[in-house]
Amino acid sequence: MSPRWFAAFCILLLLPAPARAGAAEKIRALAPSGLVFVMDAKGRELVARNADRPFVPASVTKIVTAWLAMEVLGGDYRFKTRFYLGADRVLYVRGGGDPFLISEELALLAPKLVTAIGKKPLAAMVIDAGYYPKDLHLPGIEHNGKAYNALNSALAVNFNTIHAVRRGNTVRSAEKQTPITPLAIAQFRARGRKGRSRISLVQEKPELGVRYAGELLAAFLKQAGAPLKGKITLGAVPAGLKPVYVHHQSRPLSEILQQLLLGSNNYIANQVFLELGAHRLGAPVSLKKSQKVANKLLARHGLSKAIRLAEGSGISRRNRFTARGLAKLLKLFGPHAELLRKTRAGSRYKTGTLSDVSTLAGFAATTRHGRVRFVIALGGRKGSLRFRLLKAIEREL
């Protein structure tokens, strides 16, 4: 090879590195004080700014919760609700923390339950919510009536919220599939805005959500031919009484997690998170049990210091991640990336937003490096900037 050709060859070898550096600088320049971290499939860091600085992940936390759920429970896991019938036609309902016990699920459940118990009127209904302790509190949940602050419960319907329309003193359901109930009307009159809105039911009185679940279940049982004549109360299933019907949630956990990640539902996230501890360490659920199970699994992958979980939804500011830690977890989550929302370019992502936090993380489809893992965390109201950064990662890398 001549000296001239050898020199040209060396120049060609040197071109990619400066090109990558230039691309990284362009990306970093969009958010000079923010956190931006990009890693390719081989573990090479393509962009790294503030990668070891702990940040508040907000709803990006749900990626970690989804990964933990797939590891501990498995994608085919189904939540269960158990039903018992006393000799005096008292129906006992034991909640199992099903996060997706929505109206459509009750419509599936009720005919099957009526087949098991018959169409003779029920004397009473007793709700056993003991699977969740009465003093359960998750950090970050506030008592302000907002739907995203719905408290978690062993038995709750429609994510412990009421979606209704108020015109003056008249309240009607905002959903064709959901019958209106007396408790729903009373609560919406007391706290609902005029027009269409959604309120959280369980606040200072957690039993309200359980009673509403009973009322809505009774409405569907009536439609299926088994009306409830007596009252709905809270209590325990009598010892020795065997279930007459066990309802398995029609959606497997994998489908629930996809809905969780697409809709960023805090209630579902923490129902799933709480199930981790009870599944491994026994009932009742507790935040400490789930944290113990999560920390043990994170420690197995060297992530116990990089990912600290206060709860499973991201609503708490006590959650703290590092970008390098989250990028490592994203590699573990890679087989489930299709559960995340998708951009036109083919990237998969999850957003996180609090009043002064804007985060974005997932898998970017880049021009030169294929699929890469990325983490973005910005302060203030910079929701649009995080997506500009993602587009720059897709285009420049």
Protein backbone atom coordinates (compact mmCIF):
# COMPACT_ATOMS: atom_id res chain seq x y z
CA MET A 1 0.00 0.00 0.00
CA SER A 2 1.41 3.41 -0.96
CA PRO A 3 1.95 6.08 1.71
CA ARG A 4 -0.83 8.17 0.17
CA TRP A 5 -3.37 5.35 0.26
CA PHE A 6 -2.27 4.40 3.76
CA ALA A 7 -2.85 7.97 4.96
CA ALA A 8 -6.31 8.03 3.37
CA PHE A 9 -7.14 4.71 5.00
CA CYS A 10 -6.16 6.05 8.42
CA ILE A 11 -8.36 9.10 7.91
CA LEU A 12 -11.33 6.87 7.13
CA LEU A 13 -10.71 4.90 10.31
CA LEU A 14 -10.69 8.06 12.37
CA LEU A 15 -13.91 9.55 10.98
CA PRO A 16 -16.55 7.63 13.00
CA ALA A 17 -15.34 8.73 16.44
CA PRO A 18 -15.46 12.50 15.78
CA ALA A 19 -18.79 12.01 14.04
CA ARG A 20 -20.18 10.28 17.09
CA ALA A 21 -18.73 12.99 19.33
CA GLY A 22 -20.37 15.67 17.22
CA ALA A 23 -23.72 13.93 17.41
CA ALA A 24 -23.43 13.57 21.18
CA GLU A 25 -22.61 17.27 21.53
CA LYS A 26 -25.66 18.23 19.46
CA ILE A 27 -27.87 16.13 21.72
CA ARG A 28 -26.32 17.43 24.95
CA ALA A 29 -26.62 21.02 23.73
CA LEU A 30 -30.41 20.73 23.64
CA ALA A 31 -30.47 20.26 27.43
CA PRO A 32 -27.21 21.56 28.90
CA SER A 33 -28.32 21.10 32.53
CA GLY A 34 -30.44 18.01 32.03
CA LEU A 35 -29.73 14.31 32.29
CA VAL A 36 -29.24 12.48 29.00
CA PHE A 37 -27.82 8.98 28.77
CA VAL A 38 -27.70 6.70 25.73
CA MET A 39 -26.16 3.22 25.56
CA ASP A 40 -26.02 0.89 22.58
CA ALA A 41 -26.64 -2.87 22.52
CA LYS A 42 -22.96 -3.60 23.20
CA GLY A 43 -22.92 -1.45 26.33
CA ARG A 44 -21.05 1.49 24.78
CA GLU A 45 -22.06 4.89 26.13
CA LEU A 46 -22.97 7.11 23.19
CA VAL A 47 -24.19 10.08 25.24
CA ALA A 48 -23.57 10.55 28.97
CA ARG A 49 -24.52 13.68 30.89
CA ASN A 50 -25.18 13.48 34.65
CA ALA A 51 -25.51 9.71 34.28
CA ASP A 52 -24.70 9.00 37.94
CA ARG A 53 -26.77 11.80 39.46
CA PRO A 54 -29.86 10.38 41.23
CA PHE A 55 -33.08 11.72 39.73
CA VAL A 56 -36.81 11.48 40.43
CA PRO A 57 -38.12 9.10 37.74
CA ALA A 58 -41.86 9.92 38.10
CA SER A 59 -43.91 7.45 36.03
CA VAL A 60 -40.83 5.97 34.38
CA THR A 61 -40.88 3.97 37.64
CA LYS A 62 -43.61 1.86 36.03
CA ILE A 63 -41.03 0.23 33.75
CA VAL A 64 -39.29 -1.14 36.84
CA THR A 65 -42.60 -2.28 38.33
CA ALA A 66 -43.52 -4.03 35.08
CA TRP A 67 -40.15 -5.81 34.94
CA LEU A 68 -40.47 -6.92 38.58
CA ALA A 69 -43.98 -8.21 37.90
CA MET A 70 -42.88 -10.26 34.91
CA GLU A 71 -40.01 -11.72 36.94
CA VAL A 72 -42.00 -12.50 40.11
CA LEU A 73 -45.52 -13.23 38.84
CA GLY A 74 -45.06 -14.02 35.15
CA GLY A 75 -46.97 -12.79 32.12
CA ASP A 76 -49.70 -15.44 32.46
CA TYR A 77 -50.54 -14.57 36.08
CA ARG A 78 -54.22 -13.80 36.75
CA PHE A 79 -55.66 -12.05 39.79
CA LYS A 80 -58.43 -13.88 41.64
CA THR A 81 -61.63 -12.82 43.44
CA ARG A 82 -63.35 -15.46 45.57
CA PHE A 83 -67.07 -15.82 46.31
CA TYR A 84 -68.72 -17.79 49.13
CA LEU A 85 -72.38 -18.49 49.89
CA GLY A 86 -73.69 -18.91 53.42
CA ALA A 87 -76.63 -21.19 54.23
CA ASP A 88 -78.87 -18.14 54.70
CA ARG A 89 -78.12 -16.81 51.18
CA VAL A 90 -75.51 -14.35 52.37
CA LEU A 91 -72.92 -13.74 49.66
CA TYR A 92 -69.35 -13.28 50.90
CA VAL A 93 -66.84 -11.64 48.56
CA ARG A 94 -63.11 -11.86 49.29
CA GLY A 95 -61.06 -9.36 47.35
CA GLY A 96 -57.71 -10.43 45.95
CA GLY A 97 -56.35 -7.08 44.80
CA ASP A 98 -57.46 -7.41 41.17
CA PRO A 99 -56.36 -4.12 39.55
CA PHE A 100 -58.61 -4.54 36.51
CA LEU A 101 -61.98 -5.29 38.07
CA ILE A 102 -63.77 -2.90 35.76
CA SER A 103 -67.40 -2.84 34.65
CA GLU A 104 -66.72 -5.05 31.64
CA GLU A 105 -65.12 -7.62 33.94
CA LEU A 106 -68.12 -7.55 36.30
CA ALA A 107 -70.36 -8.13 33.29
CA LEU A 108 -68.37 -11.31 32.57
CA LEU A 109 -68.24 -12.34 36.21
CA ALA A 110 -71.89 -11.91 37.24
CA PRO A 111 -73.51 -14.59 34.99
CA LYS A 112 -70.90 -17.15 36.05
CA LEU A 113 -71.45 -16.35 39.70
CA VAL A 114 -75.24 -16.59 39.31
CA THR A 115 -74.81 -19.99 37.69
CA ALA A 116 -72.96 -21.08 40.84
CA ILE A 117 -75.35 -19.59 43.41
CA GLY A 118 -78.72 -19.66 41.63
CA LYS A 119 -81.23 -16.88 40.97
CA LYS A 120 -82.94 -16.81 44.34
CA PRO A 121 -82.60 -13.31 45.89
CA LEU A 122 -79.57 -12.78 48.10
CA ALA A 123 -80.23 -11.87 51.74
CA ALA A 124 -77.07 -9.77 52.15
CA MET A 125 -73.56 -9.19 50.87
CA VAL A 126 -70.43 -9.15 53.03
CA ILE A 127 -67.18 -7.79 51.60
CA ASP A 128 -63.95 -9.23 53.00
CA ALA A 129 -61.16 -6.75 52.21
CA GLY A 130 -58.69 -8.20 54.70
CA TYR A 131 -56.12 -8.99 52.03
CA TYR A 132 -55.11 -5.32 52.30
CA PRO A 133 -54.49 -3.92 55.82
CA LYS A 134 -56.65 -1.00 56.93
CA ASP A 135 -53.63 1.19 57.69
CA LEU A 136 -52.02 0.74 54.28
CA HIS A 137 -50.57 3.99 52.97
CA LEU A 138 -48.35 4.51 49.95
CA PRO A 139 -46.04 7.54 49.82
CA GLY A 140 -47.03 10.19 47.33
CA ILE A 141 -50.78 9.52 47.46
CA GLU A 142 -52.66 12.63 48.57
CA HIS A 143 -56.20 13.06 49.87
CA ASN A 144 -57.36 15.51 47.22
CA GLY A 145 -60.03 13.56 45.31
CA LYS A 146 -58.00 13.42 42.08
CA ALA A 147 -58.41 10.17 40.15
CA TYR A 148 -54.66 9.59 39.97
CA ASN A 149 -54.60 9.58 43.80
CA ALA A 150 -57.04 6.67 44.16
CA LEU A 151 -56.01 4.55 47.12
CA ASN A 152 -55.29 0.87 46.76
CA SER A 153 -57.67 -1.79 48.02
CA ALA A 154 -58.26 -5.54 48.16
CA LEU A 155 -61.57 -5.04 46.34
CA ALA A 156 -62.15 -2.06 44.11
CA VAL A 157 -63.93 -1.47 40.82
CA ASN A 158 -63.05 0.84 37.95
CA PHE A 159 -59.71 1.74 39.56
CA ASN A 160 -61.48 3.08 42.68
CA THR A 161 -62.92 5.98 40.73
CA ILE A 162 -66.35 7.16 39.60
CA HIS A 163 -66.80 8.57 36.10
CA ALA A 164 -70.06 10.49 35.94
CA VAL A 165 -71.87 13.51 34.53
CA ARG A 166 -73.50 16.06 36.84
CA ARG A 167 -76.25 18.43 35.75
CA GLY A 168 -77.44 20.41 38.73
CA ASN A 169 -78.36 17.82 41.35
CA THR A 170 -78.76 15.04 38.80
CA VAL A 171 -75.91 12.55 38.43
CA ARG A 172 -75.68 9.88 35.75
CA SER A 173 -72.95 7.50 34.71
CA ALA A 174 -70.56 8.73 32.03
CA GLU A 175 -70.10 5.14 30.83
CA LYS A 176 -72.75 3.02 29.11
CA GLN A 177 -71.28 -0.12 30.65
CA THR A 178 -71.41 1.20 34.24
CA PRO A 179 -74.72 1.41 36.13
CA ILE A 180 -75.08 4.35 38.49
CA THR A 181 -75.42 3.42 42.17
CA PRO A 182 -76.72 5.30 45.26
CA LEU A 183 -73.25 5.72 46.75
CA ALA A 184 -71.88 6.96 43.43
CA ILE A 185 -74.62 9.58 43.22
CA ALA A 186 -74.07 10.75 46.81
CA GLN A 187 -70.29 10.99 46.42
CA PHE A 188 -70.51 12.82 43.12
CA ARG A 189 -72.99 15.31 44.52
CA ALA A 190 -70.62 15.96 47.39
CA ARG A 191 -67.35 16.19 45.45
CA GLY A 192 -67.87 16.04 41.71
CA ARG A 193 -67.61 19.06 39.46
CA LYS A 194 -70.41 20.12 37.14
CA GLY A 195 -70.37 18.34 33.82
CA ARG A 196 -68.29 15.23 33.12
CA SER A 197 -65.45 14.31 35.47
CA ARG A 198 -63.82 11.45 37.34
CA ILE A 199 -63.24 11.40 41.09
CA SER A 200 -61.30 9.15 43.40
CA LEU A 201 -63.62 7.35 45.80
CA VAL A 202 -61.32 6.20 48.55
CA GLN A 203 -59.93 9.05 50.58
CA GLU A 204 -60.48 9.71 54.29
CA LYS A 205 -62.93 6.78 54.43
CA PRO A 206 -61.36 3.78 52.67
CA GLU A 207 -64.48 1.67 53.24
CA LEU A 208 -66.36 3.82 50.69
CA GLY A 209 -64.51 2.21 47.81
CA VAL A 210 -65.27 -1.27 49.11
CA ARG A 211 -68.96 -0.43 49.53
CA TYR A 212 -69.10 0.99 46.02
CA ALA A 213 -67.57 -2.22 44.70
CA GLY A 214 -70.34 -4.11 46.46
CA GLU A 215 -73.04 -1.85 45.04
CA LEU A 216 -71.76 -2.16 41.50
CA LEU A 217 -71.41 -5.93 41.83
CA ALA A 218 -75.00 -6.08 43.14
CA ALA A 219 -76.19 -4.09 40.10
CA PHE A 220 -74.60 -6.63 37.73
CA LEU A 221 -75.93 -9.58 39.75
CA LYS A 222 -79.42 -8.10 39.47
CA GLN A 223 -79.01 -7.88 35.70
CA ALA A 224 -77.94 -11.54 35.71
CA GLY A 225 -81.03 -12.59 37.68
CA ALA A 226 -79.91 -12.65 41.33
CA PRO A 227 -81.06 -9.45 43.08
CA LEU A 228 -79.72 -8.38 46.45
CA LYS A 229 -82.48 -7.68 49.00
CA GLY A 230 -80.38 -6.90 52.07
CA LYS A 231 -77.50 -4.63 52.99
CA ILE A 232 -73.85 -4.55 51.96
CA THR A 233 -71.47 -4.70 54.92
CA LEU A 234 -67.78 -5.23 55.56
CA GLY A 235 -66.65 -8.33 57.38
CA ALA A 236 -64.74 -11.59 57.19
CA VAL A 237 -65.57 -14.82 55.41
CA PRO A 238 -66.61 -17.40 58.07
CA ALA A 239 -63.91 -19.94 58.86
CA GLY A 240 -64.35 -23.21 57.01
CA LEU A 241 -66.62 -21.81 54.31
CA LYS A 242 -65.44 -22.92 50.87
CA PRO A 243 -65.75 -20.74 47.76
CA VAL A 244 -68.56 -21.50 45.35
CA TYR A 245 -66.87 -19.58 42.56
CA VAL A 246 -63.35 -18.21 42.03
CA HIS A 247 -63.15 -15.59 39.34
CA HIS A 248 -59.88 -15.42 37.42
CA GLN A 249 -59.27 -12.04 35.80
CA SER A 250 -59.92 -12.42 32.06
CA ARG A 251 -56.76 -10.47 31.24
CA PRO A 252 -53.35 -12.05 31.88
CA LEU A 253 -50.80 -9.91 33.68
CA SER A 254 -48.94 -9.16 30.43
CA GLU A 255 -52.04 -7.42 29.06
CA ILE A 256 -52.62 -5.56 32.31
CA LEU A 257 -49.02 -4.34 32.25
CA GLN A 258 -49.42 -3.08 28.70
CA GLN A 259 -52.49 -1.08 29.76
CA LEU A 260 -50.55 0.12 32.80
CA LEU A 261 -47.67 1.39 30.69
CA LEU A 262 -49.84 2.92 27.97
CA GLY A 263 -52.26 4.64 30.36
CA SER A 264 -49.73 5.26 33.16
CA ASN A 265 -52.32 4.30 35.77
CA ASN A 266 -50.95 4.79 39.30
CA TYR A 267 -53.62 2.62 40.91
CA ILE A 268 -52.87 -0.39 38.68
CA ALA A 269 -49.12 0.06 39.18
CA ASN A 270 -49.34 -0.15 42.94
CA GLN A 271 -51.89 -2.97 42.95
CA VAL A 272 -49.36 -4.95 40.90
CA PHE A 273 -46.45 -3.81 43.07
CA LEU A 274 -48.22 -4.86 46.28
CA GLU A 275 -48.99 -8.28 44.82
CA LEU A 276 -45.26 -8.98 44.51
CA GLY A 277 -44.77 -9.12 48.27
CA ALA A 278 -47.89 -11.11 49.06
CA HIS A 279 -47.12 -13.60 46.29
CA ARG A 280 -43.62 -14.31 47.59
CA LEU A 281 -44.01 -13.71 51.34
CA GLY A 282 -47.72 -14.41 51.98
CA ALA A 283 -50.83 -12.39 52.76
CA PRO A 284 -51.73 -9.75 53.69
CA VAL A 285 -50.04 -7.34 51.31
CA SER A 286 -47.67 -4.75 52.68
CA LEU A 287 -45.40 -2.11 51.20
CA LYS A 288 -42.41 -3.47 53.16
CA LYS A 289 -42.92 -6.99 51.78
CA SER A 290 -42.98 -5.74 48.20
CA GLN A 291 -39.95 -3.52 48.75
CA LYS A 292 -38.09 -6.50 50.22
CA VAL A 293 -38.92 -8.69 47.21
CA ALA A 294 -38.02 -5.88 44.78
CA ASN A 295 -34.73 -5.03 46.50
CA LYS A 296 -33.65 -8.67 46.57
CA LEU A 297 -34.26 -9.03 42.85
CA LEU A 298 -32.57 -5.70 42.05
CA ALA A 299 -29.58 -6.66 44.19
CA ARG A 300 -29.22 -9.87 42.19
CA HIS A 301 -28.45 -7.68 39.18
CA GLY A 302 -26.31 -5.16 41.06
CA LEU A 303 -29.03 -2.49 41.03
CA SER A 304 -29.96 -2.11 44.70
CA LYS A 305 -28.15 1.24 45.03
CA ALA A 306 -28.99 2.54 41.56
CA ILE A 307 -32.75 1.98 41.80
CA ARG A 308 -34.55 2.84 45.03
CA LEU A 309 -38.30 2.24 45.15
CA ALA A 310 -40.63 3.94 47.62
CA GLU A 311 -43.67 2.61 45.75
CA GLY A 312 -44.48 1.22 42.33
CA SER A 313 -46.15 4.00 40.36
CA GLY A 314 -43.70 6.92 40.46
CA ILE A 315 -46.07 9.28 42.24
CA SER A 316 -43.65 9.53 45.17
CA ARG A 317 -40.64 11.82 44.94
CA ARG A 318 -38.81 9.43 47.23
CA ASN A 319 -38.21 7.12 44.26
CA ARG A 320 -34.63 7.67 43.08
CA PHE A 321 -32.81 6.20 40.07
CA THR A 322 -29.52 6.75 38.31
CA ALA A 323 -29.44 6.75 34.51
CA ARG A 324 -26.81 4.02 34.34
CA GLY A 325 -28.86 1.86 36.68
CA LEU A 326 -32.05 2.35 34.70
CA ALA A 327 -30.22 1.66 31.42
CA LYS A 328 -29.04 -1.65 32.88
CA LEU A 329 -32.59 -2.51 33.90
CA LEU A 330 -33.84 -1.57 30.43
CA LYS A 331 -31.55 -4.27 29.04
CA LEU A 332 -33.30 -6.77 31.34
CA PHE A 333 -36.69 -5.38 30.29
CA GLY A 334 -35.76 -5.62 26.60
CA PRO A 335 -37.79 -8.80 25.86
CA HIS A 336 -40.92 -6.90 26.96
CA ALA A 337 -40.22 -3.65 25.10
CA GLU A 338 -43.36 -4.13 22.95
CA LEU A 339 -45.42 -3.30 26.04
CA LEU A 340 -44.28 0.32 25.75
CA ARG A 341 -45.75 3.07 23.61
CA LYS A 342 -44.24 3.40 20.13
CA THR A 343 -43.13 6.43 18.09
CA ARG A 344 -43.47 6.73 14.31
CA ALA A 345 -39.77 6.00 14.00
CA GLY A 346 -40.17 2.76 15.93
CA SER A 347 -38.81 3.83 19.32
CA ARG A 348 -40.42 2.49 22.49
CA TYR A 349 -40.79 4.80 25.47
CA LYS A 350 -42.38 5.65 28.81
CA THR A 351 -42.93 9.20 30.04
CA GLY A 352 -42.86 10.52 33.58
CA THR A 353 -44.28 13.85 34.72
CA LEU A 354 -44.55 15.63 38.06
CA SER A 355 -44.89 19.36 38.67
CA ASP A 356 -41.16 20.01 38.19
CA VAL A 357 -40.03 16.74 36.63
CA SER A 358 -40.10 15.56 33.01
CA THR A 359 -38.62 12.15 32.26
CA LEU A 360 -38.48 9.81 29.28
CA ALA A 361 -36.86 6.40 28.97
CA GLY A 362 -36.93 3.35 26.76
CA PHE A 363 -35.49 2.12 23.49
CA ALA A 364 -34.68 4.45 20.61
CA ALA A 365 -34.53 3.31 16.98
CA THR A 366 -31.43 5.11 15.70
CA THR A 367 -30.01 5.61 12.21
CA ARG A 368 -26.52 4.17 12.81
CA HIS A 369 -26.65 2.13 16.00
CA GLY A 370 -29.95 0.32 15.72
CA ARG A 371 -31.91 0.01 18.95
CA VAL A 372 -30.28 1.83 21.87
CA ARG A 373 -31.34 2.35 25.47
CA PHE A 374 -31.94 5.93 26.57
CA VAL A 375 -32.79 7.87 29.74
CA ILE A 376 -33.79 11.55 29.82
CA ALA A 377 -34.59 13.55 32.98
CA LEU A 378 -35.28 17.29 32.91
CA GLY A 379 -36.33 19.80 35.52
CA GLY A 380 -39.27 22.15 35.15
CA ARG A 381 -42.01 21.98 32.55
CA LYS A 382 -40.06 20.53 29.64
CA GLY A 383 -42.39 17.85 28.37
CA SER A 384 -41.85 18.78 24.72
CA LEU A 385 -38.07 19.09 25.07
CA ARG A 386 -37.71 15.44 26.13
CA PHE A 387 -39.32 14.38 22.83
CA ARG A 388 -37.06 16.75 20.88
CA LEU A 389 -34.16 14.99 22.55
CA LEU A 390 -35.55 11.58 21.58
CA LYS A 391 -35.90 12.68 17.95
CA ALA A 392 -32.34 13.95 18.01
CA ILE A 393 -31.16 10.59 19.36
CA GLU A 394 -33.06 8.80 16.59
CA ARG A 395 -31.65 11.09 13.88
CA GLU A 396 -28.11 11.84 15.04
CA LEU A 397 -26.95 8.48 16.40
